[in-house]
Amino acid sequence: MKTHAFLKQVAREARFVDALLLARYALTIHDNITVFGDDDKSHWPMNFSIKLRRIAEVFQMAGIDTTQLLHPRQSRPRQSFPRSDVYGPPAQPDRGES
């Protein structure tokens, strides 16, 4: 396989994995909630456990570890700004000179 074709295929697969991760996230958020109709008498419980299980099986078959964060937070030191950058230069005390 040529390098260009290989990279193109890897990019397609990465987009596919991203789409599945996004779908899993959306389904997880909405799983086991109840949707109420306008008349307050009709309601529908939403259960996406079967679909979530299928997505998990696909990840497992593909060998994708979903227990790790995709982009772990990197600890960056907070950038502190000098006081003059935020509030302007410090005020000079009045020396009482007239």
PDB file of N, CA and C in Angstrom:
ATOM      1  N   MET A   1       0.844  -1.168   0.000  1.00  0.00           N
ATOM      2  CA  MET A   1       0.000   0.000   0.000  1.00  0.00           C
ATOM      3  C   MET A   1       0.893   1.235   0.000  1.00  0.00           C
ATOM      4  N   LYS A   2       0.547   2.176  -0.818  1.00  0.00           N
ATOM      5  CA  LYS A   2       1.336   3.397  -0.888  1.00  0.00           C
ATOM      6  C   LYS A   2       1.116   4.237   0.369  1.00  0.00           C
ATOM      7  N   THR A   3       2.092   5.054   0.654  1.00  0.00           N
ATOM      8  CA  THR A   3       2.039   5.874   1.859  1.00  0.00           C
ATOM      9  C   THR A   3       0.823   6.789   1.869  1.00  0.00           C
ATOM     10  N   HIS A   4       0.547   7.433   0.748  1.00  0.00           N
ATOM     11  CA  HIS A   4      -0.589   8.360   0.674  1.00  0.00           C
ATOM     12  C   HIS A   4      -1.902   7.630   0.923  1.00  0.00           C
ATOM     13  N   ALA A   5      -2.067   6.470   0.317  1.00  0.00           N
ATOM     14  CA  ALA A   5      -3.298   5.696   0.506  1.00  0.00           C
ATOM     15  C   ALA A   5      -3.424   5.219   1.947  1.00  0.00           C
ATOM     16  N   PHE A   6      -2.309   4.835   2.550  1.00  0.00           N
ATOM     17  CA  PHE A   6      -2.322   4.389   3.941  1.00  0.00           C
ATOM     18  C   PHE A   6      -2.737   5.523   4.870  1.00  0.00           C
ATOM     19  N   LEU A   7      -2.157   6.697   4.680  1.00  0.00           N
ATOM     20  CA  LEU A   7      -2.500   7.838   5.531  1.00  0.00           C
ATOM     21  C   LEU A   7      -3.957   8.251   5.353  1.00  0.00           C
ATOM     22  N   LYS A   8      -4.443   8.148   4.131  1.00  0.00           N
ATOM     23  CA  LYS A   8      -5.843   8.477   3.863  1.00  0.00           C
ATOM     24  C   LYS A   8      -6.766   7.505   4.595  1.00  0.00           C
ATOM     25  N   GLN A   9      -6.414   6.235   4.589  1.00  0.00           N
ATOM     26  CA  GLN A   9      -7.212   5.222   5.271  1.00  0.00           C
ATOM     27  C   GLN A   9      -7.184   5.428   6.789  1.00  0.00           C
ATOM     28  N   VAL A  10      -6.025   5.753   7.325  1.00  0.00           N
ATOM     29  CA  VAL A  10      -5.894   6.000   8.759  1.00  0.00           C
ATOM     30  C   VAL A  10      -6.739   7.208   9.162  1.00  0.00           C
ATOM     31  N   ALA A  11      -6.749   8.246   8.339  1.00  0.00           N
ATOM     32  CA  ALA A  11      -7.559   9.429   8.637  1.00  0.00           C
ATOM     33  C   ALA A  11      -9.044   9.089   8.638  1.00  0.00           C
ATOM     34  N   ARG A  12      -9.480   8.260   7.684  1.00  0.00           N
ATOM     35  CA  ARG A  12     -10.894   7.827   7.649  1.00  0.00           C
ATOM     36  C   ARG A  12     -11.240   7.035   8.899  1.00  0.00           C
ATOM     37  N   GLU A  13     -10.356   6.138   9.291  1.00  0.00           N
ATOM     38  CA  GLU A  13     -10.606   5.332  10.481  1.00  0.00           C
ATOM     39  C   GLU A  13     -10.645   6.197  11.729  1.00  0.00           C
ATOM     40  N   ALA A  14      -9.792   7.197  11.800  1.00  0.00           N
ATOM     41  CA  ALA A  14      -9.781   8.089  12.960  1.00  0.00           C
ATOM     42  C   ALA A  14     -11.087   8.869  13.043  1.00  0.00           C
ATOM     43  N   ARG A  15     -11.595   9.324  11.896  1.00  0.00           N
ATOM     44  CA  ARG A  15     -12.881  10.030  11.899  1.00  0.00           C
ATOM     45  C   ARG A  15     -14.005   9.098  12.320  1.00  0.00           C
ATOM     46  N   PHE A  16     -13.933   7.837  11.913  1.00  0.00           N
ATOM     47  CA  PHE A  16     -14.931   6.847  12.297  1.00  0.00           C
ATOM     48  C   PHE A  16     -14.902   6.623  13.810  1.00  0.00           C
ATOM     49  N   VAL A  17     -13.723   6.483  14.370  1.00  0.00           N
ATOM     50  CA  VAL A  17     -13.587   6.284  15.815  1.00  0.00           C
ATOM     51  C   VAL A  17     -14.085   7.518  16.555  1.00  0.00           C
ATOM     52  N   ASP A  18     -13.750   8.717  16.074  1.00  0.00           N
ATOM     53  CA  ASP A  18     -14.242   9.943  16.702  1.00  0.00           C
ATOM     54  C   ASP A  18     -15.762  10.008  16.676  1.00  0.00           C
ATOM     55  N   ALA A  19     -16.357   9.608  15.559  1.00  0.00           N
ATOM     56  CA  ALA A  19     -17.819   9.621  15.455  1.00  0.00           C
ATOM     57  C   ALA A  19     -18.446   8.631  16.433  1.00  0.00           C
ATOM     58  N   LEU A  20     -17.848   7.460  16.569  1.00  0.00           N
ATOM     59  CA  LEU A  20     -18.377   6.479  17.523  1.00  0.00           C
ATOM     60  C   LEU A  20     -18.222   6.962  18.964  1.00  0.00           C
ATOM     61  N   LEU A  21     -17.113   7.600  19.268  1.00  0.00           N
ATOM     62  CA  LEU A  21     -16.920   8.141  20.616  1.00  0.00           C
ATOM     63  C   LEU A  21     -17.937   9.240  20.917  1.00  0.00           C
ATOM     64  N   LEU A  22     -18.201  10.083  19.936  1.00  0.00           N
ATOM     65  CA  LEU A  22     -19.189  11.137  20.112  1.00  0.00           C
ATOM     66  C   LEU A  22     -20.593  10.547  20.287  1.00  0.00           C
ATOM     67  N   ALA A  23     -20.919   9.529  19.490  1.00  0.00           N
ATOM     68  CA  ALA A  23     -22.224   8.875  19.615  1.00  0.00           C
ATOM     69  C   ALA A  23     -22.360   8.224  20.983  1.00  0.00           C
ATOM     70  N   ARG A  24     -21.306   7.568  21.429  1.00  0.00           N
ATOM     71  CA  ARG A  24     -21.344   6.929  22.748  1.00  0.00           C
ATOM     72  C   ARG A  24     -21.544   7.963  23.844  1.00  0.00           C
ATOM     73  N   TYR A  25     -20.874   9.095  23.711  1.00  0.00           N
ATOM     74  CA  TYR A  25     -21.016  10.165  24.688  1.00  0.00           C
ATOM     75  C   TYR A  25     -22.453  10.691  24.726  1.00  0.00           C
ATOM     76  N   ALA A  26     -23.017  10.966  23.550  1.00  0.00           N
ATOM     77  CA  ALA A  26     -24.390  11.486  23.483  1.00  0.00           C
ATOM     78  C   ALA A  26     -25.389  10.477  24.027  1.00  0.00           C
ATOM     79  N   LEU A  27     -25.217   9.214  23.688  1.00  0.00           N
ATOM     80  CA  LEU A  27     -26.135   8.189  24.184  1.00  0.00           C
ATOM     81  C   LEU A  27     -26.001   8.008  25.689  1.00  0.00           C
ATOM     82  N   THR A  28     -24.791   8.110  26.200  1.00  0.00           N
ATOM     83  CA  THR A  28     -24.572   7.965  27.641  1.00  0.00           C
ATOM     84  C   THR A  28     -25.263   9.091  28.401  1.00  0.00           C
ATOM     85  N   ILE A  29     -25.182  10.292  27.886  1.00  0.00           N
ATOM     86  CA  ILE A  29     -25.818  11.434  28.548  1.00  0.00           C
ATOM     87  C   ILE A  29     -27.331  11.263  28.604  1.00  0.00           C
ATOM     88  N   HIS A  30     -27.918  10.766  27.528  1.00  0.00           N
ATOM     89  CA  HIS A  30     -29.372  10.672  27.446  1.00  0.00           C
ATOM     90  C   HIS A  30     -29.929   9.324  27.888  1.00  0.00           C
ATOM     91  N   ASP A  31     -29.072   8.402  28.273  1.00  0.00           N
ATOM     92  CA  ASP A  31     -29.528   7.081  28.693  1.00  0.00           C
ATOM     93  C   ASP A  31     -30.285   7.180  30.018  1.00  0.00           C
ATOM     94  N   ASN A  32     -31.395   6.471  30.092  1.00  0.00           N
ATOM     95  CA  ASN A  32     -32.217   6.369  31.305  1.00  0.00           C
ATOM     96  C   ASN A  32     -32.851   7.684  31.757  1.00  0.00           C
ATOM     97  N   ILE A  33     -33.090   8.593  30.822  1.00  0.00           N
ATOM     98  CA  ILE A  33     -33.879   9.771  31.187  1.00  0.00           C
ATOM     99  C   ILE A  33     -35.274   9.589  30.613  1.00  0.00           C
ATOM    100  N   THR A  34     -36.198  10.352  31.112  1.00  0.00           N
ATOM    101  CA  THR A  34     -37.578  10.255  30.647  1.00  0.00           C
ATOM    102  C   THR A  34     -37.938  11.535  29.922  1.00  0.00           C
ATOM    103  N   VAL A  35     -38.524  11.383  28.749  1.00  0.00           N
ATOM    104  CA  VAL A  35     -38.967  12.512  27.952  1.00  0.00           C
ATOM    105  C   VAL A  35     -40.466  12.664  28.173  1.00  0.00           C
ATOM    106  N   PHE A  36     -40.895  13.869  28.484  1.00  0.00           N
ATOM    107  CA  PHE A  36     -42.304  14.135  28.722  1.00  0.00           C
ATOM    108  C   PHE A  36     -42.915  14.849  27.535  1.00  0.00           C
ATOM    109  N   GLY A  37     -44.163  14.486  27.220  1.00  0.00           N
ATOM    110  CA  GLY A  37     -44.885  15.125  26.130  1.00  0.00           C
ATOM    111  C   GLY A  37     -45.488  16.440  26.578  1.00  0.00           C
ATOM    112  N   ASP A  38     -46.140  17.120  25.650  1.00  0.00           N
ATOM    113  CA  ASP A  38     -46.750  18.418  25.943  1.00  0.00           C
ATOM    114  C   ASP A  38     -47.922  18.311  26.907  1.00  0.00           C
ATOM    115  N   ASP A  39     -48.605  17.175  26.909  1.00  0.00           N
ATOM    116  CA  ASP A  39     -49.797  17.047  27.741  1.00  0.00           C
ATOM    117  C   ASP A  39     -49.496  16.573  29.161  1.00  0.00           C
ATOM    118  N   ASP A  40     -48.261  16.390  29.511  1.00  0.00           N
ATOM    119  CA  ASP A  40     -47.810  15.943  30.832  1.00  0.00           C
ATOM    120  C   ASP A  40     -48.316  14.559  31.221  1.00  0.00           C
ATOM    121  N   LYS A  41     -49.095  13.928  30.375  1.00  0.00           N
ATOM    122  CA  LYS A  41     -49.549  12.564  30.663  1.00  0.00           C
ATOM    123  C   LYS A  41     -48.690  11.545  29.923  1.00  0.00           C
ATOM    124  N   SER A  42     -48.184  11.943  28.784  1.00  0.00           N
ATOM    125  CA  SER A  42     -47.366  11.016  28.002  1.00  0.00           C
ATOM    126  C   SER A  42     -45.892  11.218  28.345  1.00  0.00           C
ATOM    127  N   HIS A  43     -45.221  10.123  28.556  1.00  0.00           N
ATOM    128  CA  HIS A  43     -43.785  10.158  28.824  1.00  0.00           C
ATOM    129  C   HIS A  43     -43.156   8.873  28.288  1.00  0.00           C
ATOM    130  N   TRP A  44     -41.898   8.995  27.901  1.00  0.00           N
ATOM    131  CA  TRP A  44     -41.178   7.877  27.314  1.00  0.00           C
ATOM    132  C   TRP A  44     -39.810   7.753  27.967  1.00  0.00           C
ATOM    133  N   PRO A  45     -39.557   6.643  28.611  1.00  0.00           N
ATOM    134  CA  PRO A  45     -38.195   6.437  29.140  1.00  0.00           C
ATOM    135  C   PRO A  45     -37.251   6.099  27.985  1.00  0.00           C
ATOM    136  N   MET A  46     -36.098   6.685  28.003  1.00  0.00           N
ATOM    137  CA  MET A  46     -35.109   6.438  26.951  1.00  0.00           C
ATOM    138  C   MET A  46     -34.065   5.464  27.482  1.00  0.00           C
ATOM    139  N   ASN A  47     -33.897   4.372  26.779  1.00  0.00           N
ATOM    140  CA  ASN A  47     -32.943   3.349  27.192  1.00  0.00           C
ATOM    141  C   ASN A  47     -32.052   3.015  26.002  1.00  0.00           C
ATOM    142  N   PHE A  48     -30.794   3.395  26.096  1.00  0.00           N
ATOM    143  CA  PHE A  48     -29.837   3.173  25.011  1.00  0.00           C
ATOM    144  C   PHE A  48     -28.802   2.116  25.369  1.00  0.00           C
ATOM    145  N   SER A  49     -29.100   1.282  26.361  1.00  0.00           N
ATOM    146  CA  SER A  49     -28.096   0.320  26.831  1.00  0.00           C
ATOM    147  C   SER A  49     -27.686  -0.667  25.743  1.00  0.00           C
ATOM    148  N   ILE A  50     -28.615  -1.096  24.889  1.00  0.00           N
ATOM    149  CA  ILE A  50     -28.269  -2.043  23.815  1.00  0.00           C
ATOM    150  C   ILE A  50     -27.318  -1.384  22.815  1.00  0.00           C
ATOM    151  N   LYS A  51     -27.615  -0.152  22.448  1.00  0.00           N
ATOM    152  CA  LYS A  51     -26.750   0.556  21.493  1.00  0.00           C
ATOM    153  C   LYS A  51     -25.383   0.836  22.103  1.00  0.00           C
ATOM    154  N   LEU A  52     -25.355   1.181  23.377  1.00  0.00           N
ATOM    155  CA  LEU A  52     -24.073   1.415  24.047  1.00  0.00           C
ATOM    156  C   LEU A  52     -23.261   0.129  24.122  1.00  0.00           C
ATOM    157  N   ARG A  53     -23.928  -0.995  24.345  1.00  0.00           N
ATOM    158  CA  ARG A  53     -23.231  -2.277  24.371  1.00  0.00           C
ATOM    159  C   ARG A  53     -22.650  -2.605  22.996  1.00  0.00           C
ATOM    160  N   ARG A  54     -23.414  -2.322  21.943  1.00  0.00           N
ATOM    161  CA  ARG A  54     -22.904  -2.582  20.579  1.00  0.00           C
ATOM    162  C   ARG A  54     -21.682  -1.730  20.265  1.00  0.00           C
ATOM    163  N   ILE A  55     -21.722  -0.474  20.651  1.00  0.00           N
ATOM    164  CA  ILE A  55     -20.567   0.398  20.419  1.00  0.00           C
ATOM    165  C   ILE A  55     -19.363  -0.123  21.205  1.00  0.00           C
ATOM    166  N   ALA A  56     -19.582  -0.559  22.444  1.00  0.00           N
ATOM    167  CA  ALA A  56     -18.491  -1.111  23.252  1.00  0.00           C
ATOM    168  C   ALA A  56     -17.909  -2.359  22.596  1.00  0.00           C
ATOM    169  N   GLU A  57     -18.776  -3.196  22.022  1.00  0.00           N
ATOM    170  CA  GLU A  57     -18.290  -4.397  21.336  1.00  0.00           C
ATOM    171  C   GLU A  57     -17.444  -4.038  20.121  1.00  0.00           C
ATOM    172  N   VAL A  58     -17.858  -3.026  19.381  1.00  0.00           N
ATOM    173  CA  VAL A  58     -17.088  -2.597  18.203  1.00  0.00           C
ATOM    174  C   VAL A  58     -15.715  -2.105  18.634  1.00  0.00           C
ATOM    175  N   PHE A  59     -15.667  -1.311  19.701  1.00  0.00           N
ATOM    176  CA  PHE A  59     -14.373  -0.833  20.196  1.00  0.00           C
ATOM    177  C   PHE A  59     -13.504  -1.994  20.649  1.00  0.00           C
ATOM    178  N   GLN A  60     -14.109  -2.954  21.312  1.00  0.00           N
ATOM    179  CA  GLN A  60     -13.348  -4.102  21.791  1.00  0.00           C
ATOM    180  C   GLN A  60     -12.810  -4.920  20.615  1.00  0.00           C
ATOM    181  N   MET A  61     -13.641  -5.146  19.590  1.00  0.00           N
ATOM    182  CA  MET A  61     -13.185  -5.899  18.414  1.00  0.00           C
ATOM    183  C   MET A  61     -12.059  -5.169  17.692  1.00  0.00           C
ATOM    184  N   ALA A  62     -12.115  -3.835  17.685  1.00  0.00           N
ATOM    185  CA  ALA A  62     -11.083  -3.050  17.004  1.00  0.00           C
ATOM    186  C   ALA A  62      -9.837  -2.883  17.868  1.00  0.00           C
ATOM    187  N   GLY A  63      -9.918  -3.307  19.133  1.00  0.00           N
ATOM    188  CA  GLY A  63      -8.757  -3.191  20.011  1.00  0.00           C
ATOM    189  C   GLY A  63      -8.529  -1.787  20.517  1.00  0.00           C
ATOM    190  N   ILE A  64      -9.590  -0.995  20.609  1.00  0.00           N
ATOM    191  CA  ILE A  64      -9.480   0.382  21.068  1.00  0.00           C
ATOM    192  C   ILE A  64      -9.801   0.425  22.557  1.00  0.00           C
ATOM    193  N   ASP A  65      -8.866   0.937  23.342  1.00  0.00           N
ATOM    194  CA  ASP A  65      -9.038   1.026  24.784  1.00  0.00           C
ATOM    195  C   ASP A  65      -9.801   2.302  25.104  1.00  0.00           C
ATOM    196  N   THR A  66     -11.027   2.149  25.584  1.00  0.00           N
ATOM    197  CA  THR A  66     -11.838   3.322  25.894  1.00  0.00           C
ATOM    198  C   THR A  66     -11.779   3.694  27.364  1.00  0.00           C
ATOM    199  N   THR A  67     -10.929   3.010  28.122  1.00  0.00           N
ATOM    200  CA  THR A  67     -10.817   3.353  29.538  1.00  0.00           C
ATOM    201  C   THR A  67      -9.855   4.502  29.763  1.00  0.00           C
ATOM    202  N   GLN A  68      -9.035   4.814  28.779  1.00  0.00           N
ATOM    203  CA  GLN A  68      -8.074   5.897  28.900  1.00  0.00           C
ATOM    204  C   GLN A  68      -8.626   7.156  28.241  1.00  0.00           C
ATOM    205  N   LEU A  69      -8.249   8.308  28.763  1.00  0.00           N
ATOM    206  CA  LEU A  69      -8.653   9.564  28.154  1.00  0.00           C
ATOM    207  C   LEU A  69      -7.991   9.718  26.791  1.00  0.00           C
ATOM    208  N   LEU A  70      -8.710  10.310  25.858  1.00  0.00           N
ATOM    209  CA  LEU A  70      -8.125  10.537  24.538  1.00  0.00           C
ATOM    210  C   LEU A  70      -7.020  11.587  24.608  1.00  0.00           C
ATOM    211  N   HIS A  71      -7.303  12.661  25.280  1.00  0.00           N
ATOM    212  CA  HIS A  71      -6.341  13.748  25.405  1.00  0.00           C
ATOM    213  C   HIS A  71      -6.208  14.066  26.878  1.00  0.00           C
ATOM    214  N   PRO A  72      -5.318  13.372  27.585  1.00  0.00           N
ATOM    215  CA  PRO A  72      -5.188  13.640  29.016  1.00  0.00           C
ATOM    216  C   PRO A  72      -4.792  15.082  29.262  1.00  0.00           C
ATOM    217  N   ARG A  73      -5.354  15.632  30.296  1.00  0.00           N
ATOM    218  CA  ARG A  73      -5.034  17.013  30.621  1.00  0.00           C
ATOM    219  C   ARG A  73      -3.567  17.105  31.020  1.00  0.00           C
ATOM    220  N   GLN A  74      -2.915  18.039  30.451  1.00  0.00           N
ATOM    221  CA  GLN A  74      -1.524  18.248  30.800  1.00  0.00           C
ATOM    222  C   GLN A  74      -1.486  19.361  31.823  1.00  0.00           C
ATOM    223  N   SER A  75      -0.795  19.103  32.896  1.00  0.00           N
ATOM    224  CA  SER A  75      -0.747  20.132  33.926  1.00  0.00           C
ATOM    225  C   SER A  75       0.180  21.246  33.466  1.00  0.00           C
ATOM    226  N   ARG A  76      -0.409  22.374  33.271  1.00  0.00           N
ATOM    227  CA  ARG A  76       0.354  23.552  32.884  1.00  0.00           C
ATOM    228  C   ARG A  76       0.288  24.536  34.036  1.00  0.00           C
ATOM    229  N   PRO A  77       1.394  25.124  34.379  1.00  0.00           N
ATOM    230  CA  PRO A  77       1.337  26.120  35.452  1.00  0.00           C
ATOM    231  C   PRO A  77       0.501  27.316  35.004  1.00  0.00           C
ATOM    232  N   ARG A  78      -0.260  27.830  35.922  1.00  0.00           N
ATOM    233  CA  ARG A  78      -1.044  29.016  35.597  1.00  0.00           C
ATOM    234  C   ARG A  78      -0.119  30.164  35.292  1.00  0.00           C
ATOM    235  N   GLN A  79      -0.507  30.895  34.303  1.00  0.00           N
ATOM    236  CA  GLN A  79       0.311  32.041  33.935  1.00  0.00           C
ATOM    237  C   GLN A  79      -0.190  33.232  34.738  1.00  0.00           C
ATOM    238  N   SER A  80       0.670  33.775  35.543  1.00  0.00           N
ATOM    239  CA  SER A  80       0.259  34.935  36.322  1.00  0.00           C
ATOM    240  C   SER A  80       0.728  36.186  35.594  1.00  0.00           C
ATOM    241  N   PHE A  81      -0.137  37.153  35.570  1.00  0.00           N
ATOM    242  CA  PHE A  81       0.176  38.401  34.897  1.00  0.00           C
ATOM    243  C   PHE A  81       0.627  39.417  35.932  1.00  0.00           C
ATOM    244  N   PRO A  82       1.605  40.199  35.583  1.00  0.00           N
ATOM    245  CA  PRO A  82       1.996  41.262  36.506  1.00  0.00           C
ATOM    246  C   PRO A  82       0.817  42.198  36.756  1.00  0.00           C
ATOM    247  N   ARG A  83       0.755  42.740  37.912  1.00  0.00           N
ATOM    248  CA  ARG A  83      -0.354  43.610  38.288  1.00  0.00           C
ATOM    249  C   ARG A  83      -0.527  44.753  37.301  1.00  0.00           C
ATOM    250  N   SER A  84       0.545  45.275  36.765  1.00  0.00           N
ATOM    251  CA  SER A  84       0.442  46.410  35.844  1.00  0.00           C
ATOM    252  C   SER A  84      -0.248  46.009  34.547  1.00  0.00           C
ATOM    253  N   ASP A  85      -0.165  44.731  34.149  1.00  0.00           N
ATOM    254  CA  ASP A  85      -0.829  44.294  32.929  1.00  0.00           C
ATOM    255  C   ASP A  85      -2.346  44.274  33.101  1.00  0.00           C
ATOM    256  N   VAL A  86      -2.798  44.018  34.304  1.00  0.00           N
ATOM    257  CA  VAL A  86      -4.227  43.890  34.537  1.00  0.00           C
ATOM    258  C   VAL A  86      -4.847  45.215  34.934  1.00  0.00           C
ATOM    259  N   TYR A  87      -4.224  45.908  35.886  1.00  0.00           N
ATOM    260  CA  TYR A  87      -4.825  47.110  36.445  1.00  0.00           C
ATOM    261  C   TYR A  87      -4.132  48.401  36.033  1.00  0.00           C
ATOM    262  N   GLY A  88      -3.113  48.317  35.254  1.00  0.00           N
ATOM    263  CA  GLY A  88      -2.353  49.507  34.913  1.00  0.00           C
ATOM    264  C   GLY A  88      -1.205  49.673  35.898  1.00  0.00           C
ATOM    265  N   PRO A  89      -0.394  50.666  35.710  1.00  0.00           N
ATOM    266  CA  PRO A  89       0.753  50.841  36.617  1.00  0.00           C
ATOM    267  C   PRO A  89       0.269  51.174  38.026  1.00  0.00           C
ATOM    268  N   PRO A  90       1.017  50.738  39.023  1.00  0.00           N
ATOM    269  CA  PRO A  90       0.611  51.029  40.399  1.00  0.00           C
ATOM    270  C   PRO A  90       0.587  52.535  40.652  1.00  0.00           C
ATOM    271  N   ALA A  91      -0.374  52.937  41.454  1.00  0.00           N
ATOM    272  CA  ALA A  91      -0.513  54.375  41.756  1.00  0.00           C
ATOM    273  C   ALA A  91       0.655  54.818  42.625  1.00  0.00           C
ATOM    274  N   GLN A  92       1.142  56.023  42.337  1.00  0.00           N
ATOM    275  CA  GLN A  92       2.223  56.595  43.126  1.00  0.00           C
ATOM    276  C   GLN A  92       1.618  57.320  44.334  1.00  0.00           C
ATOM    277  N   PRO A  93       2.190  57.100  45.493  1.00  0.00           N
ATOM    278  CA  PRO A  93       1.639  57.802  46.680  1.00  0.00           C
ATOM    279  C   PRO A  93       1.827  59.293  46.563  1.00  0.00           C
ATOM    280  N   ASP A  94       0.867  60.028  47.080  1.00  0.00           N
ATOM    281  CA  ASP A  94       0.941  61.488  47.085  1.00  0.00           C
ATOM    282  C   ASP A  94       1.916  61.904  48.172  1.00  0.00           C
ATOM    283  N   ARG A  95       2.952  62.630  47.790  1.00  0.00           N
ATOM    284  CA  ARG A  95       3.992  63.003  48.736  1.00  0.00           C
ATOM    285  C   ARG A  95       3.697  64.346  49.421  1.00  0.00           C
ATOM    286  N   GLY A  96       2.575  64.897  49.149  1.00  0.00           N
ATOM    287  CA  GLY A  96       2.229  66.147  49.799  1.00  0.00           C
ATOM    288  C   GLY A  96       2.963  67.344  49.241  1.00  0.00           C
ATOM    289  N   GLU A  97       3.568  67.229  48.081  1.00  0.00           N
ATOM    290  CA  GLU A  97       4.304  68.341  47.482  1.00  0.00           C
ATOM    291  C   GLU A  97       3.331  69.219  46.729  1.00  0.00           C
ATOM    292  N   SER A  98       3.375  70.482  46.979  1.00  0.00           N
ATOM    293  CA  SER A  98       2.537  71.430  46.267  1.00  0.00           C
ATOM    294  C   SER A  98       3.361  72.540  45.699  1.00  0.00           C
TER     295      SER A  98
END
